[in-house]
Amino acid sequence: MTKIFLSYCWNDSDEANRIYEYFINNQSIELHRDTIDIRKWGSIKEYMQSINDMDYTILLISDSYLRSANCMYEVLEVMRDRNYRDKIFPAVIYSGIYDPIIRIDYVKYWEDEFIKLKEKLDGLSVQNLGRLPEDLKRRQDISSNVADFLDVVSDMNNPNIEDVCVVIEEKLSQKGFLGNKNSQINGTNDLFATLGIPKTKYSSEPTDLEINQFVKDSFNQVVKLLSQLCQQYQTQNTWMQVEIEQIDTRTVIYHFYKRGQLVRKFRVFLGSMWGSTREMIGVSDNVMPHGNGDSWNGMYDPQFVDGELKLFATLSLFGNHKAMTIEEVVADIWEHYIQMYLER
């Protein structure tokens, strides 16, 4: 079972209860929260340290959460894992964290909390301090890390709070934690049927940097899924061998051999054309690793539509001039640049 910890402030108990009730009957998930686990551990400190044993953490991020010492201690425990960004599901209740000025307010808040406690402790005898210096150190750690934490969360593609349960479930399905939910596409098991990258919502038109990062992330997803799909096809069709050549982080070449004879070779790459500074995902029959800009057979170009970034098939030999999801891009490449050659 996948162990998931639900981290929240008691002021947000209604939202926490909604998420808890959504997942509690899922037999693939072991959901943990304070009202249940503290009784088991008997110690708040031991309970918080048990967070490191969890596979994922759901964070209900509100103003109350970011001003709570216990909640921020939970955040510190999560941040002990170097790869914690890949193990958290931020559910942002307070969207103010996307404003850097407001994020600064939380850094200032925890600096002030540290100073206030330090001034109080300076007036006590050392023998009377007990474990209060641990609380001081904790506030210092929070003030040192809160900016980095908020930067990471605000940079992620977080779902709307009302959609968070469904998105978490989708993410777990992608990672294979909720069992296999295969469908069929073009006669092969569809590895990407349940995959969905979170919608990228912007309050204003995204910058070139944000667009290029979206394209790079999309390219990595496309390459990963397409490579897995090729491997499955090879497993299901023993007369077919597939060689996948990763030239660099921007170029992958696919070789398809039927009974040892090369029947298809093409390149998927990141590039730009027509003097544009924006990245695009390209498909080309020209398999020279660093082919020139006129060798495009297909192009998936980022477009800003209804507050979201989407891939748009702006150059297609098959008339698919439309906005596409990651799954649709992979299906389009498979159908029009691979399968038709394998069936000859």
Protein backbone atom coordinates (compact mmCIF):
# COMPACT_ATOMS: atom_id res chain seq x y z
CA MET A 1 0.00 0.00 0.00
CA THR A 2 1.09 3.56 -0.70
CA LYS A 3 1.56 5.51 2.53
CA ILE A 4 0.29 9.08 2.28
CA PHE A 5 0.50 11.67 5.03
CA LEU A 6 -2.11 14.45 5.19
CA SER A 7 -0.52 17.64 6.55
CA TYR A 8 -2.92 20.47 7.41
CA CYS A 9 -3.82 23.14 9.95
CA TRP A 10 -6.82 22.45 12.14
CA ASN A 11 -8.44 25.62 10.77
CA ASP A 12 -8.67 23.74 7.47
CA SER A 13 -10.20 20.59 8.94
CA ASP A 14 -13.21 20.68 6.61
CA GLU A 15 -10.98 20.47 3.55
CA ALA A 16 -8.83 17.82 5.22
CA ASN A 17 -11.92 15.75 6.03
CA ARG A 18 -13.07 15.94 2.41
CA ILE A 19 -9.73 14.61 1.15
CA TYR A 20 -9.54 11.99 3.89
CA GLU A 21 -13.03 10.68 3.12
CA TYR A 22 -12.23 10.56 -0.60
CA PHE A 23 -9.21 8.26 -0.12
CA ILE A 24 -9.98 6.36 3.08
CA ASN A 25 -11.76 3.49 1.31
CA ASN A 26 -9.12 3.12 -1.40
CA GLN A 27 -7.47 -0.22 -0.66
CA SER A 28 -4.24 0.81 -2.41
CA ILE A 29 -3.67 3.77 -0.07
CA GLU A 30 -2.80 3.92 3.63
CA LEU A 31 -3.76 7.46 4.65
CA HIS A 32 -2.27 9.03 7.80
CA ARG A 33 -3.35 12.15 9.67
CA ASP A 34 -2.79 13.63 13.13
CA THR A 35 -6.20 12.91 14.68
CA ILE A 36 -5.57 9.19 14.17
CA ASP A 37 -1.81 8.73 14.37
CA ILE A 38 -0.92 10.86 17.39
CA ARG A 39 -2.95 8.49 19.56
CA LYS A 40 -0.89 5.60 18.19
CA TRP A 41 2.49 7.25 18.67
CA GLY A 42 1.64 8.94 21.97
CA SER A 43 4.22 11.65 21.25
CA ILE A 44 3.78 14.54 18.84
CA LYS A 45 7.52 14.62 18.18
CA GLU A 46 7.70 10.90 17.37
CA TYR A 47 4.61 11.24 15.24
CA MET A 48 6.13 14.07 13.20
CA GLN A 49 9.36 12.15 12.70
CA SER A 50 7.32 9.27 11.27
CA ILE A 51 6.56 11.49 8.24
CA ASN A 52 9.89 10.34 6.77
CA ASP A 53 8.40 6.85 6.42
CA MET A 54 5.65 8.09 4.09
CA ASP A 55 5.68 7.69 0.30
CA TYR A 56 3.85 10.95 -0.33
CA THR A 57 2.55 13.95 1.59
CA ILE A 58 -0.54 16.01 0.84
CA LEU A 59 -0.01 19.61 2.01
CA LEU A 60 -3.05 21.84 2.56
CA ILE A 61 -1.33 25.19 2.22
CA SER A 62 -3.27 28.07 3.73
CA ASP A 63 -2.33 31.23 5.62
CA SER A 64 -2.99 29.43 8.92
CA TYR A 65 -0.82 26.51 7.79
CA LEU A 66 2.13 28.77 6.97
CA ARG A 67 1.91 30.49 10.37
CA SER A 68 1.64 27.26 12.37
CA ALA A 69 4.82 26.01 14.07
CA ASN A 70 3.60 22.40 14.02
CA CYS A 71 2.65 22.52 10.34
CA MET A 72 5.96 24.09 9.37
CA TYR A 73 7.79 21.48 11.44
CA GLU A 74 6.03 18.89 9.30
CA VAL A 75 7.26 20.75 6.23
CA LEU A 76 10.84 20.60 7.58
CA GLU A 77 10.51 16.84 8.02
CA VAL A 78 9.28 16.52 4.42
CA MET A 79 12.16 18.67 3.16
CA ARG A 80 14.71 16.29 4.67
CA ASP A 81 14.23 14.20 1.54
CA ARG A 82 16.32 15.67 -1.28
CA ASN A 83 13.69 14.70 -3.82
CA TYR A 84 10.78 15.98 -1.75
CA ARG A 85 9.35 17.95 -4.69
CA ASP A 86 8.47 14.62 -6.34
CA LYS A 87 6.84 13.33 -3.15
CA ILE A 88 4.44 16.14 -2.29
CA PHE A 89 0.93 16.99 -3.47
CA PRO A 90 0.46 20.69 -2.64
CA ALA A 91 -3.20 21.67 -2.31
CA VAL A 92 -3.01 25.46 -2.30
CA ILE A 93 -5.92 26.98 -0.39
CA TYR A 94 -4.33 30.43 -0.21
CA SER A 95 -3.28 31.49 -3.72
CA GLY A 96 -1.41 34.50 -2.33
CA ILE A 97 1.73 32.35 -2.15
CA TYR A 98 2.15 32.85 -5.91
CA ASP A 99 2.96 36.52 -5.19
CA PRO A 100 6.65 36.94 -4.20
CA ILE A 101 5.78 39.95 -2.02
CA ILE A 102 3.44 37.80 0.07
CA ARG A 103 6.04 35.03 0.27
CA ILE A 104 8.43 37.61 1.76
CA ASP A 105 5.83 38.32 4.47
CA TYR A 106 6.07 34.72 5.66
CA VAL A 107 9.87 34.86 5.82
CA LYS A 108 9.58 38.04 7.89
CA TYR A 109 6.93 36.45 10.12
CA TRP A 110 9.20 33.52 11.04
CA GLU A 111 12.23 35.75 11.51
CA ASP A 112 10.17 37.79 13.99
CA GLU A 113 8.97 34.61 15.75
CA PHE A 114 12.58 33.51 16.15
CA ILE A 115 13.65 36.90 17.52
CA LYS A 116 10.73 37.07 19.99
CA LEU A 117 11.47 33.64 21.45
CA LYS A 118 15.21 34.32 21.57
CA GLU A 119 14.65 37.55 23.52
CA LYS A 120 12.46 35.69 26.02
CA LEU A 121 15.03 32.90 26.44
CA ASP A 122 17.88 35.36 26.98
CA GLY A 123 16.23 36.36 30.26
CA LEU A 124 16.22 32.79 31.67
CA SER A 125 18.90 30.85 33.50
CA VAL A 126 20.42 28.04 31.47
CA GLN A 127 19.36 25.38 33.98
CA ASN A 128 15.73 26.45 33.62
CA LEU A 129 15.52 26.31 29.82
CA GLY A 130 14.48 22.68 29.51
CA ARG A 131 13.80 21.93 25.83
CA LEU A 132 12.95 25.51 24.90
CA PRO A 133 16.20 25.88 22.90
CA GLU A 134 14.87 23.11 20.62
CA ASP A 135 11.85 25.31 19.87
CA LEU A 136 14.20 28.19 19.14
CA LYS A 137 16.24 26.07 16.75
CA ARG A 138 13.05 24.93 15.06
CA ARG A 139 11.95 28.52 14.44
CA GLN A 140 15.37 29.32 13.06
CA ASP A 141 15.13 26.34 10.70
CA ILE A 142 11.66 27.41 9.58
CA SER A 143 12.75 30.99 8.87
CA SER A 144 15.76 29.64 6.91
CA ASN A 145 13.71 27.26 4.75
CA VAL A 146 10.27 28.81 4.30
CA ALA A 147 11.31 30.89 1.27
CA ASP A 148 12.77 27.87 -0.55
CA PHE A 149 9.71 25.79 0.26
CA LEU A 150 7.27 28.42 -1.03
CA ASP A 151 9.38 28.92 -4.16
CA VAL A 152 9.14 25.19 -4.92
CA VAL A 153 5.39 25.00 -4.30
CA SER A 154 4.57 28.17 -6.24
CA ASP A 155 6.61 26.87 -9.18
CA MET A 156 4.61 23.63 -9.39
CA ASN A 157 1.51 23.11 -11.53
CA ASN A 158 -0.91 22.91 -8.63
CA PRO A 159 -4.55 21.95 -9.26
CA ASN A 160 -7.49 23.95 -8.02
CA ILE A 161 -8.37 22.91 -4.47
CA GLU A 162 -11.68 21.38 -5.58
CA ASP A 163 -9.85 19.15 -8.08
CA VAL A 164 -7.01 18.02 -5.84
CA CYS A 165 -8.38 14.55 -5.01
CA VAL A 166 -8.83 13.60 -8.66
CA VAL A 167 -5.39 14.94 -9.62
CA ILE A 168 -3.70 13.04 -6.76
CA GLU A 169 -5.45 9.87 -7.88
CA GLU A 170 -4.27 10.46 -11.46
CA LYS A 171 -0.68 10.97 -10.30
CA LEU A 172 -0.74 7.76 -8.27
CA SER A 173 -2.19 5.90 -11.25
CA GLN A 174 0.62 7.20 -13.45
CA LYS A 175 3.16 5.79 -11.02
CA GLY A 176 1.40 2.41 -10.97
CA PHE A 177 0.29 2.61 -7.33
CA LEU A 178 -3.41 2.14 -8.01
CA GLY A 179 -3.16 -0.91 -10.23
CA ASN A 180 -3.25 -1.15 -14.01
CA LYS A 181 -5.97 0.65 -15.93
CA ASN A 182 -4.95 -0.20 -19.49
CA SER A 183 -7.07 0.69 -22.49
CA GLN A 184 -6.40 0.00 -26.16
CA ILE A 185 -4.90 2.32 -28.73
CA ASN A 186 -4.03 1.18 -32.21
CA GLY A 187 -3.94 -2.44 -31.05
CA THR A 188 -1.42 -1.89 -28.22
CA ASN A 189 -1.77 -1.44 -24.48
CA ASP A 190 -2.08 2.26 -23.80
CA LEU A 191 0.50 3.21 -21.17
CA PHE A 192 -0.53 6.86 -21.30
CA ALA A 193 -4.32 6.51 -21.15
CA THR A 194 -4.45 7.49 -17.49
CA LEU A 195 -1.61 9.99 -17.74
CA GLY A 196 -2.34 13.71 -17.53
CA ILE A 197 0.02 16.54 -16.79
CA PRO A 198 -1.59 19.11 -14.47
CA LYS A 199 -3.13 22.09 -16.18
CA THR A 200 -0.87 25.12 -16.13
CA LYS A 201 -2.99 28.06 -15.07
CA TYR A 202 -1.70 31.60 -15.45
CA SER A 203 -3.27 34.85 -14.29
CA SER A 204 -1.55 36.58 -17.22
CA GLU A 205 0.18 35.46 -20.40
CA PRO A 206 3.21 33.26 -19.53
CA THR A 207 6.76 34.45 -20.16
CA ASP A 208 9.12 32.93 -22.73
CA LEU A 209 10.96 31.21 -19.88
CA GLU A 210 7.74 29.58 -18.62
CA ILE A 211 6.74 28.53 -22.13
CA ASN A 212 10.13 26.98 -22.88
CA GLN A 213 10.10 25.10 -19.57
CA PHE A 214 6.61 23.78 -20.39
CA VAL A 215 7.86 22.54 -23.77
CA LYS A 216 10.92 20.87 -22.24
CA ASP A 217 8.81 19.12 -19.61
CA SER A 218 6.35 18.04 -22.31
CA PHE A 219 9.19 16.76 -24.51
CA ASN A 220 10.51 14.61 -21.64
CA GLN A 221 7.03 13.18 -21.04
CA VAL A 222 6.54 12.45 -24.74
CA VAL A 223 9.92 10.72 -25.05
CA LYS A 224 9.34 8.67 -21.91
CA LEU A 225 5.89 7.46 -22.96
CA LEU A 226 6.84 6.89 -26.57
CA SER A 227 9.86 4.82 -25.52
CA GLN A 228 7.74 2.72 -23.16
CA LEU A 229 5.17 2.22 -25.89
CA CYS A 230 7.90 1.05 -28.29
CA GLN A 231 9.17 -1.41 -25.71
CA GLN A 232 5.68 -2.82 -25.23
CA TYR A 233 5.20 -3.16 -28.99
CA GLN A 234 8.50 -5.03 -29.24
CA THR A 235 7.46 -7.37 -26.41
CA GLN A 236 4.10 -8.11 -28.03
CA ASN A 237 5.59 -8.59 -31.52
CA THR A 238 8.67 -10.79 -31.25
CA TRP A 239 9.68 -10.20 -34.90
CA MET A 240 10.14 -6.50 -34.18
CA GLN A 241 13.21 -4.95 -32.55
CA VAL A 242 13.35 -1.32 -31.48
CA GLU A 243 16.54 0.61 -30.79
CA ILE A 244 16.19 3.92 -28.97
CA GLU A 245 19.20 6.22 -29.29
CA GLN A 246 19.32 9.11 -26.81
CA ILE A 247 21.69 11.56 -28.51
CA ASP A 248 21.41 14.21 -25.80
CA THR A 249 18.73 15.84 -23.65
CA ARG A 250 17.18 17.38 -26.79
CA THR A 251 17.32 14.57 -29.35
CA VAL A 252 16.12 10.94 -29.47
CA ILE A 253 16.30 8.68 -32.55
CA TYR A 254 14.04 5.62 -32.93
CA HIS A 255 15.08 2.63 -35.11
CA PHE A 256 12.51 -0.09 -35.97
CA TYR A 257 13.70 -3.44 -37.36
CA LYS A 258 11.32 -6.09 -38.65
CA ARG A 259 13.09 -9.48 -38.62
CA GLY A 260 16.40 -7.65 -38.68
CA GLN A 261 15.51 -5.31 -41.56
CA LEU A 262 15.26 -1.58 -40.90
CA VAL A 263 11.71 -0.44 -41.72
CA ARG A 264 11.50 2.92 -39.95
CA LYS A 265 13.85 5.51 -38.48
CA PHE A 266 12.93 8.98 -37.27
CA ARG A 267 13.96 11.67 -34.82
CA VAL A 268 12.07 13.44 -32.00
CA PHE A 269 13.76 16.61 -30.87
CA LEU A 270 13.54 20.03 -29.27
CA GLY A 271 14.19 22.94 -31.60
CA SER A 272 13.01 26.27 -32.98
CA MET A 273 12.37 27.62 -36.44
CA TRP A 274 11.52 30.74 -38.42
CA GLY A 275 13.68 32.86 -36.14
CA SER A 276 11.56 32.08 -33.08
CA THR A 277 13.15 32.02 -29.63
CA ARG A 278 10.51 29.59 -28.37
CA GLU A 279 11.15 25.88 -28.09
CA MET A 280 9.01 23.40 -30.04
CA ILE A 281 8.80 19.61 -30.22
CA GLY A 282 9.73 18.34 -33.66
CA VAL A 283 9.47 15.04 -35.57
CA SER A 284 11.70 14.45 -38.59
CA ASP A 285 12.69 11.75 -41.08
CA ASN A 286 16.10 13.42 -41.15
CA VAL A 287 17.92 11.47 -38.44
CA MET A 288 21.06 13.57 -38.43
CA PRO A 289 21.29 14.36 -34.70
CA HIS A 290 21.66 18.07 -35.32
CA GLY A 291 19.67 18.53 -38.51
CA ASN A 292 18.88 21.99 -39.80
CA GLY A 293 15.65 23.86 -39.30
CA ASP A 294 14.01 22.82 -42.59
CA SER A 295 13.92 19.12 -41.74
CA TRP A 296 10.64 19.18 -39.81
CA ASN A 297 7.94 16.63 -40.73
CA GLY A 298 5.83 17.46 -37.71
CA MET A 299 5.82 20.22 -35.11
CA TYR A 300 4.06 20.64 -31.77
CA ASP A 301 4.11 24.29 -30.84
CA PRO A 302 3.14 25.77 -27.42
CA GLN A 303 0.00 27.91 -27.49
CA PHE A 304 -1.63 29.89 -24.67
CA VAL A 305 -5.34 28.97 -24.74
CA ASP A 306 -7.97 29.86 -22.10
CA GLY A 307 -5.38 30.43 -19.37
CA GLU A 308 -3.49 27.21 -20.14
CA LEU A 309 -0.42 26.22 -22.08
CA LYS A 310 -1.13 23.49 -24.62
CA LEU A 311 0.72 21.84 -27.47
CA PHE A 312 -0.66 22.72 -30.88
CA ALA A 313 0.06 20.69 -34.01
CA THR A 314 0.97 23.71 -36.13
CA LEU A 315 2.83 21.61 -38.70
CA SER A 316 1.20 18.31 -39.56
CA LEU A 317 1.21 16.24 -42.73
CA PHE A 318 -2.08 14.68 -41.68
CA GLY A 319 -4.28 17.68 -40.97
CA ASN A 320 -4.20 17.45 -37.17
CA HIS A 321 -4.00 21.20 -36.67
CA LYS A 322 -5.39 21.34 -33.14
CA ALA A 323 -4.44 21.70 -29.50
CA MET A 324 -3.24 18.41 -28.01
CA THR A 325 -2.58 16.86 -24.63
CA ILE A 326 0.59 14.86 -23.99
CA GLU A 327 -1.35 11.65 -24.61
CA GLU A 328 -2.69 12.94 -27.92
CA VAL A 329 0.78 13.97 -29.07
CA VAL A 330 2.15 10.47 -28.33
CA ALA A 331 -0.84 8.85 -30.05
CA ASP A 332 -0.41 11.17 -33.05
CA ILE A 333 3.31 10.31 -33.38
CA TRP A 334 2.58 6.59 -33.03
CA GLU A 335 -0.20 6.57 -35.60
CA HIS A 336 1.30 8.85 -38.23
CA TYR A 337 5.05 8.43 -37.86
CA ILE A 338 5.44 4.81 -36.71
CA GLN A 339 2.53 2.40 -37.11
CA MET A 340 1.80 3.04 -40.77
CA TYR A 341 5.40 2.04 -41.60
CA LEU A 342 5.36 -1.08 -39.44
CA GLU A 343 2.24 -2.46 -41.12
CA ARG A 344 3.62 -2.38 -44.65
